[in-house]
Protein backbone atom coordinates (compact mmCIF):
# COMPACT_ATOMS: atom_id res chain seq x y z
CA MET A 1 -0.02 -0.24 -0.15
CA ALA A 2 2.73 2.54 0.66
CA LEU A 3 3.82 2.02 -3.02
CA VAL A 4 0.35 3.00 -4.13
CA HIS A 5 -0.09 5.89 -1.88
CA ARG A 6 3.43 7.25 -3.04
CA LEU A 7 2.06 6.84 -6.65
CA LEU A 8 -1.01 8.69 -5.99
CA LEU A 9 0.95 11.42 -4.16
CA VAL A 10 3.47 11.78 -6.71
CA VAL A 11 0.74 12.13 -9.47
CA LEU A 12 -1.14 14.88 -7.57
CA LEU A 13 2.42 16.54 -7.30
CA GLY A 14 3.18 16.60 -10.92
CA PHE A 15 -0.65 17.88 -11.38
CA LEU A 16 0.08 21.21 -9.24
CA PHE A 17 3.92 21.69 -9.95
CA THR A 18 2.50 21.97 -13.91
CA ALA A 19 -0.83 23.34 -13.33
CA ILE A 20 -0.07 26.48 -10.72
CA PRO A 21 2.56 27.76 -12.36
CA GLY A 22 0.90 27.59 -15.45
CA PRO A 23 -1.28 30.95 -15.84
CA ALA A 24 2.28 32.65 -14.93
CA VAL A 25 4.46 30.25 -17.33
CA ILE A 26 2.16 31.32 -20.33
CA ARG A 27 2.31 35.42 -19.77
CA PHE A 28 6.18 34.97 -19.53
CA LEU A 29 6.58 33.40 -22.62
CA LYS A 30 4.40 35.86 -24.11
CA LYS A 31 6.21 38.47 -22.87
CA MET A 32 9.17 36.93 -24.12
CA ASP A 33 8.01 36.36 -27.86
CA PHE A 34 8.36 32.62 -27.65
CA ARG A 35 5.28 32.38 -29.81
CA GLN A 36 4.20 29.31 -33.00
CA THR A 37 5.26 30.27 -36.20
CA GLU A 38 3.02 28.02 -38.47
CA ARG A 39 4.27 26.56 -41.35
CA LYS A 40 2.43 27.99 -44.69
CA GLU A 41 2.51 24.12 -46.00
CA GLY A 42 0.12 22.76 -42.97
CA PRO A 43 -3.82 23.19 -42.65
CA GLN A 44 -4.56 26.23 -43.10
CA SER A 45 -6.70 25.91 -40.33
CA HIS A 46 -3.89 25.98 -38.27
CA LEU A 47 -2.66 29.82 -39.35
CA GLY A 48 -4.65 30.85 -36.74
CA LYS A 49 -2.58 29.53 -33.98
CA THR A 50 0.38 31.56 -35.31
CA GLY A 51 0.86 33.59 -32.09
CA THR A 52 -0.05 31.00 -29.32
CA PRO A 53 3.20 30.69 -26.67
CA THR A 54 5.33 27.60 -27.35
CA MET A 55 8.16 26.21 -25.27
CA GLY A 56 5.47 24.93 -22.68
CA GLY A 57 7.68 21.40 -22.79
CA VAL A 58 9.41 23.87 -19.74
CA LEU A 59 6.11 23.41 -17.90
CA VAL A 60 6.00 19.78 -18.41
CA LEU A 61 9.32 18.95 -17.70
CA GLY A 62 9.78 21.37 -14.97
CA GLY A 63 6.76 19.63 -13.22
CA TRP A 64 7.91 16.05 -13.94
CA LEU A 65 11.20 16.35 -12.90
CA LEU A 66 10.36 18.07 -9.66
CA ALA A 67 7.34 15.50 -8.60
CA ALA A 68 9.98 12.58 -9.45
CA LEU A 69 12.88 14.49 -7.37
CA ILE A 70 10.25 14.66 -4.64
CA GLY A 71 8.70 11.27 -5.00
CA VAL A 72 11.25 8.59 -6.04
CA LYS A 73 12.71 7.19 -2.18
CA GLU A 74 14.42 4.50 -4.09
CA GLY A 75 15.53 3.18 -7.32
CA TYR A 76 17.64 5.98 -8.32
CA ALA A 77 20.12 3.81 -10.33
CA LEU A 78 17.50 3.66 -13.01
CA VAL A 79 15.71 6.63 -12.04
CA LEU A 80 18.45 9.24 -12.80
CA PRO A 81 20.16 8.04 -15.97
CA VAL A 82 16.59 7.99 -17.46
CA LEU A 83 15.84 11.69 -15.79
CA LEU A 84 19.13 13.09 -17.09
CA CYS A 85 18.34 11.24 -20.76
CA MET A 86 14.82 13.35 -20.34
CA VAL A 87 16.37 16.54 -19.77
CA LEU A 88 19.27 16.51 -22.03
CA CYS A 89 16.33 15.88 -24.78
CA GLY A 90 14.46 18.61 -23.42
CA LEU A 91 17.50 20.92 -23.91
CA MET A 92 18.03 19.82 -27.37
CA GLY A 93 13.89 20.66 -28.03
CA PHE A 94 14.44 23.99 -26.18
CA LEU A 95 17.50 25.03 -28.25
CA ASP A 96 15.48 24.16 -31.27
CA ASP A 97 12.35 26.05 -30.15
CA PHE A 98 14.62 29.00 -29.28
CA ILE A 99 16.21 29.22 -32.69
CA LYS A 100 12.54 29.21 -34.15
CA THR A 101 11.12 31.75 -32.15
CA SER A 102 14.21 33.78 -32.52
CA SER A 103 13.88 34.13 -35.88
CA GLY A 104 10.09 34.61 -36.32
CA THR A 105 10.15 31.13 -38.78
CA SER A 106 9.10 27.41 -38.77
CA MET A 107 13.03 26.56 -38.70
CA GLY A 108 15.19 25.55 -36.35
CA LEU A 109 18.03 23.43 -35.70
CA LEU A 110 19.36 22.35 -39.11
CA PRO A 111 18.49 18.57 -39.98
CA TYR A 112 21.95 17.48 -39.73
CA GLN A 113 22.36 19.27 -36.45
CA LYS A 114 19.68 17.45 -35.03
CA VAL A 115 20.26 14.18 -35.86
CA LEU A 116 23.97 14.59 -34.49
CA LEU A 117 22.61 15.76 -31.11
CA GLN A 118 20.24 13.11 -30.91
CA PHE A 119 22.65 10.40 -32.07
CA VAL A 120 25.10 11.81 -29.55
CA ILE A 121 22.73 11.82 -26.42
CA SER A 122 21.29 8.38 -27.54
CA LEU A 123 24.55 6.96 -28.03
CA LEU A 124 25.27 7.71 -24.25
CA ALA A 125 21.85 6.27 -23.21
CA ALA A 126 22.35 3.34 -25.06
CA SER A 127 26.05 2.73 -23.22
CA TRP A 128 24.66 3.57 -20.47
CA LEU A 129 22.00 0.82 -20.44
CA TYR A 130 24.39 -1.68 -22.37
CA LYS A 131 26.58 -1.54 -19.49
CA SER A 132 24.44 -1.52 -16.65
CA GLU A 133 23.78 -4.47 -14.17
CA ALA A 134 20.16 -3.87 -14.01
CA VAL A 135 19.08 -3.76 -17.37
CA GLY A 136 22.03 -4.80 -19.70
CA SER A 137 21.40 -6.38 -22.99
CA VAL A 138 18.24 -9.00 -22.40
CA ILE A 139 15.39 -8.42 -23.64
CA THR A 140 11.84 -9.68 -23.14
CA LEU A 141 9.91 -11.50 -26.02
CA PRO A 142 6.31 -11.05 -25.64
CA PHE A 143 4.30 -14.17 -25.37
CA SER A 144 6.78 -16.53 -25.35
CA GLY A 145 7.75 -15.86 -21.77
CA LYS A 146 11.47 -16.13 -22.61
CA SER A 147 14.40 -13.33 -22.82
CA TRP A 148 16.71 -12.72 -25.67
CA ASP A 149 20.30 -11.47 -25.03
CA MET A 150 21.23 -9.61 -28.30
CA GLY A 151 24.74 -9.11 -26.90
CA VAL A 152 26.30 -6.16 -29.18
CA PHE A 153 23.68 -5.87 -30.94
CA TYR A 154 22.08 -4.24 -28.00
CA LEU A 155 23.44 -0.63 -29.07
CA PRO A 156 22.30 -0.48 -32.44
CA PHE A 157 18.70 -1.23 -31.33
CA ALA A 158 18.85 0.87 -28.48
CA LEU A 159 20.09 3.83 -30.65
CA PHE A 160 16.79 3.25 -33.03
CA VAL A 161 14.35 2.58 -30.39
CA LEU A 162 15.87 5.95 -28.67
CA ILE A 163 15.91 8.26 -32.02
CA GLY A 164 12.65 6.74 -33.27
CA THR A 165 10.69 7.42 -30.11
CA MET A 166 11.98 11.06 -29.93
CA ASN A 167 11.08 11.73 -33.72
CA ALA A 168 7.80 9.93 -33.53
CA VAL A 169 6.38 11.68 -30.60
CA ASN A 170 7.73 15.14 -32.08
CA LEU A 171 5.69 14.17 -35.85
CA THR A 172 2.43 13.46 -33.36
CA ASP A 173 2.72 17.09 -31.64
CA GLY A 174 0.47 18.47 -34.45
CA LEU A 175 -2.87 19.04 -32.75
CA ASP A 176 -4.03 20.67 -29.73
CA GLY A 177 -3.73 18.12 -26.78
CA LEU A 178 -2.65 15.39 -29.01
CA ALA A 179 0.86 13.88 -28.04
CA ALA A 180 0.10 15.28 -24.40
CA GLY A 181 -3.12 13.32 -24.23
CA ILE A 182 -1.48 9.96 -26.04
CA SER A 183 1.77 10.57 -23.90
CA LEU A 184 -0.25 10.68 -20.32
CA ILE A 185 -1.94 7.21 -21.14
CA VAL A 186 1.25 5.52 -22.06
CA GLN A 187 2.64 6.90 -18.64
CA ILE A 188 -0.29 5.64 -16.88
CA GLY A 189 0.59 1.92 -19.02
CA PHE A 190 4.11 2.22 -17.79
CA VAL A 191 3.37 2.82 -13.97
CA LEU A 192 1.43 -0.69 -14.49
CA LEU A 193 4.19 -2.17 -16.30
CA PHE A 194 7.01 -0.95 -13.72
CA CYS A 195 4.51 -2.33 -10.47
CA LEU A 196 3.70 -5.58 -11.88
CA MET A 197 7.49 -6.53 -12.97
CA PRO A 198 8.49 -7.76 -9.63
CA LEU A 199 6.01 -10.14 -9.76
CA ALA A 200 6.36 -10.97 -13.71
CA GLU A 201 10.05 -11.72 -12.25
CA GLY A 202 9.29 -13.88 -9.48
CA PHE A 203 10.40 -11.58 -6.56
CA SER A 204 9.09 -12.26 -3.25
CA GLY A 205 9.07 -9.49 -1.01
CA PHE A 206 11.52 -6.36 -1.71
CA ASN A 207 14.97 -6.61 -2.98
CA GLU A 208 17.44 -4.23 -5.00
CA GLN A 209 15.90 -4.91 -8.55
CA SER A 210 12.04 -4.73 -6.92
CA MET A 211 13.10 -1.22 -5.45
CA ASP A 212 14.41 0.05 -8.72
CA TYR A 213 11.46 -0.67 -10.71
CA GLY A 214 9.34 0.88 -8.12
CA GLY A 215 11.38 4.01 -8.42
CA MET A 216 10.58 3.77 -12.24
CA ALA A 217 6.77 3.48 -11.22
CA THR A 218 7.32 6.59 -9.48
CA PHE A 219 8.65 8.05 -12.14
CA SER A 220 6.16 7.71 -14.94
CA ALA A 221 3.44 8.54 -12.49
CA ALA A 222 5.32 11.83 -12.10
CA GLY A 223 5.30 12.10 -15.76
CA ALA A 224 1.24 11.22 -15.47
CA GLY A 225 0.55 13.93 -13.49
CA ALA A 226 2.77 16.59 -15.43
CA LEU A 227 1.05 15.91 -18.60
CA MET A 228 -2.50 16.26 -16.89
CA GLY A 229 -1.63 19.42 -15.58
CA PHE A 230 -0.12 20.53 -18.78
CA LEU A 231 -3.40 19.26 -20.62
CA LEU A 232 -5.29 21.82 -18.42
CA PHE A 233 -3.74 24.60 -20.70
CA ASN A 234 -2.85 22.49 -24.20
CA ALA A 235 -6.57 20.86 -24.92
CA TYR A 236 -8.20 22.47 -27.53
CA PRO A 237 -8.34 25.49 -27.73
CA ALA A 238 -4.53 25.22 -26.83
CA ARG A 239 -3.13 28.56 -24.77
CA ILE A 240 0.41 26.66 -25.08
CA PHE A 241 2.36 24.50 -27.44
CA MET A 242 4.96 21.99 -25.85
CA GLY A 243 7.21 22.52 -28.74
CA ASP A 244 10.30 20.67 -29.47
CA THR A 245 11.09 21.20 -25.86
CA GLY A 246 8.13 18.78 -24.91
CA SER A 247 8.11 16.18 -27.66
CA LEU A 248 11.80 15.51 -27.51
CA ALA A 249 11.78 15.03 -23.62
CA ILE A 250 8.67 13.21 -23.71
CA GLY A 251 10.10 10.92 -26.57
CA GLY A 252 13.28 10.47 -24.59
CA ALA A 253 11.60 9.54 -21.68
CA ILE A 254 9.27 7.17 -23.31
CA ALA A 255 11.96 5.36 -24.88
CA MET A 256 14.12 4.59 -21.69
CA GLU A 257 11.42 3.68 -19.85
CA ALA A 258 10.67 1.18 -22.38
CA LEU A 259 14.50 -0.05 -22.39
CA VAL A 260 14.47 0.14 -18.71
CA SER A 261 11.44 -2.03 -18.40
CA LYS A 262 13.54 -4.62 -21.21
CA SER A 263 10.12 -4.75 -23.24
CA PRO A 264 11.00 -2.43 -25.75
CA LEU A 265 9.12 -4.79 -28.19
CA LEU A 266 5.93 -3.55 -26.61
CA LEU A 267 6.90 0.04 -27.26
CA PRO A 268 5.24 -0.37 -30.67
CA PHE A 269 1.86 -1.26 -29.34
CA MET A 270 1.87 1.11 -26.45
CA GLY A 271 2.96 3.75 -28.86
CA ILE A 272 0.72 3.16 -31.61
CA CYS A 273 -0.27 6.31 -32.22
CA PHE A 274 3.49 7.59 -32.56
CA VAL A 275 4.05 4.79 -35.01
CA MET A 276 1.07 5.34 -37.06
CA SER A 277 2.68 9.68 -37.38
CA ALA A 278 6.25 8.04 -38.09
CA LEU A 279 4.84 5.57 -40.60
CA SER A 280 2.42 7.62 -42.36
CA VAL A 281 5.12 10.44 -43.32
CA MET A 282 7.81 7.84 -44.86
CA ILE A 283 4.92 6.22 -46.89
CA GLN A 284 3.98 10.08 -47.99
CA VAL A 285 7.37 10.72 -48.54
CA GLY A 286 8.55 7.49 -50.11
CA ALA A 287 5.06 7.70 -52.55
CA TYR A 288 5.73 11.03 -53.66
CA LYS A 289 9.65 10.31 -54.86
CA LEU A 290 8.50 6.91 -56.31
CA ARG A 291 4.70 7.93 -58.13
CA LYS A 292 6.19 11.02 -59.12
CA GLY A 293 4.16 13.81 -56.91
CA LYS A 294 1.52 11.21 -56.26
CA ARG A 295 0.21 11.31 -52.72
CA VAL A 296 -1.21 8.51 -50.57
CA PHE A 297 -2.84 11.21 -47.53
CA ARG A 298 -4.29 14.43 -47.98
CA MET A 299 -1.50 15.24 -45.75
CA ALA A 300 0.79 13.73 -43.34
CA PRO A 301 1.27 12.63 -39.91
CA LEU A 302 -1.84 11.03 -40.39
CA HIS A 303 -3.75 13.43 -38.25
CA HIS A 304 -3.62 15.88 -40.64
CA HIS A 305 -5.23 13.70 -43.15
CA PHE A 306 -8.08 12.89 -40.64
CA GLU A 307 -8.46 16.56 -40.22
CA LEU A 308 -8.58 17.60 -43.77
CA MET A 309 -11.52 15.18 -44.04
CA GLY A 310 -13.34 17.22 -41.95
CA VAL A 311 -12.84 15.32 -38.62
CA SER A 312 -12.57 18.19 -35.61
CA GLU A 313 -9.13 18.22 -33.54
CA PRO A 314 -10.93 17.30 -30.26
CA LYS A 315 -12.57 14.16 -32.14
CA ILE A 316 -9.21 13.33 -33.57
CA THR A 317 -7.28 13.94 -30.08
CA ALA A 318 -10.09 11.51 -28.27
CA TRP A 319 -9.70 8.84 -31.18
CA TYR A 320 -6.01 8.72 -30.51
CA MET A 321 -6.26 8.56 -26.94
CA LEU A 322 -8.71 5.42 -26.74
CA LEU A 323 -7.10 3.86 -28.91
CA THR A 324 -3.81 4.31 -27.13
CA ALA A 325 -5.45 3.03 -23.85
CA VAL A 326 -6.61 0.15 -25.70
CA CYS A 327 -3.55 -1.00 -27.25
CA CYS A 328 -1.73 -0.33 -23.55
CA ALA A 329 -4.32 -2.15 -22.08
CA ALA A 330 -3.26 -5.03 -24.61
CA SER A 331 0.37 -4.77 -24.15
CA ILE A 332 0.07 -4.90 -20.35
CA TYR A 333 -2.03 -8.17 -20.94
CA ILE A 334 0.61 -9.72 -23.07
CA PHE A 335 3.45 -8.69 -20.74
CA THR A 336 1.53 -10.80 -17.68
CA LYS A 337 1.03 -13.85 -20.30
C-alpha cells in the first residue's frame, strides 16, 4: 500500500507543479515573444494558431522533474539516468524552439544538427543501458515468456528505439492536446507495467531490483501528473504548445522507460499512435518520390489527413487517446501472460 500511496501523491504533485505555475509561464512566454509560427504548407486552419506561446515543454519538464525528485525514495540507479536523458532531450528541443522563435520562422536546428545531437544523446543512453547491471543487453520476448540476450547488437537497437521514439513523438505533436494526451495514457501504462514487473520476474518481498522498478513506477506517475496539468492549457483550444522542448523530452523519456523495462518490443503497441504518425510520413515521402508527386494521404502525419477530411481536432485527439488506452491494456496483458 505504501507504493500505491506514493504513486497517488506523485501524480498529484506532478499535476500541481504544472497546473499552478501554468498561467504565469504562459504570460512569461508571451512577454518574451516565444510564439508559434505555423508552416504555410500545413493545414490552413492552423494559421490562426500563429502567435500562441510555445516552449511549453519547460512546464511539463519542470513539473515532471520536481515530482519525481520528491517522490522517488529508492531505485535511483535507474531513475537518475532516465531523468538525465529526458532533460538532455528537453535541452536539445529548447535550443530548437529558441532558434525558431528568435528567427520568427518554423525552421530551428538544421536537420543534420538535430540528427547529430539526437545521436550523441542516444549513444550515451544506449551505452549506459548496455553496461548497466540492472538492464544489460537482455530483452523480453512477448507471448513466449522467454528473453533474448542481444549482446553487442543491443547498442544499435537501443539507438534506433531512442531516436525513432523522439522523432515519432515530435511528429505527433501537431494538434491541440494530441501528443500530451497520448503520452499521458502511455505513462499510466508504464506505471502499471513497472508495478507488475517484480511479480512477473518472480521476486518475493523487497530487493534491489524490485525497488528499482518501484522508483521507475514513481517516475512514470510523475510524468502522468505533469501531463495532466499541462493538458489544462494545451487541450483544444490550446493556450500553449509544448514545442520540441516537450516532444523530444517526452520521446526520450518514453524510449528509456521501454528499454529500462526490458520490454521495448511492447513499445510499438503502447505507442501505436506515435508509430502511425512516423509511418504515415515515411509512406507519404516514399510515395511522392516513387509515384512522381502522387500522395497517399491528403497530408502527413496521419492526424492532418483526418483533419482535412473534416474530423475536428478534439475528436481526433479522443480517437488517438482511446486507441492508445486499448493498446496499452493489450500490451500489459501480453506482458503478464
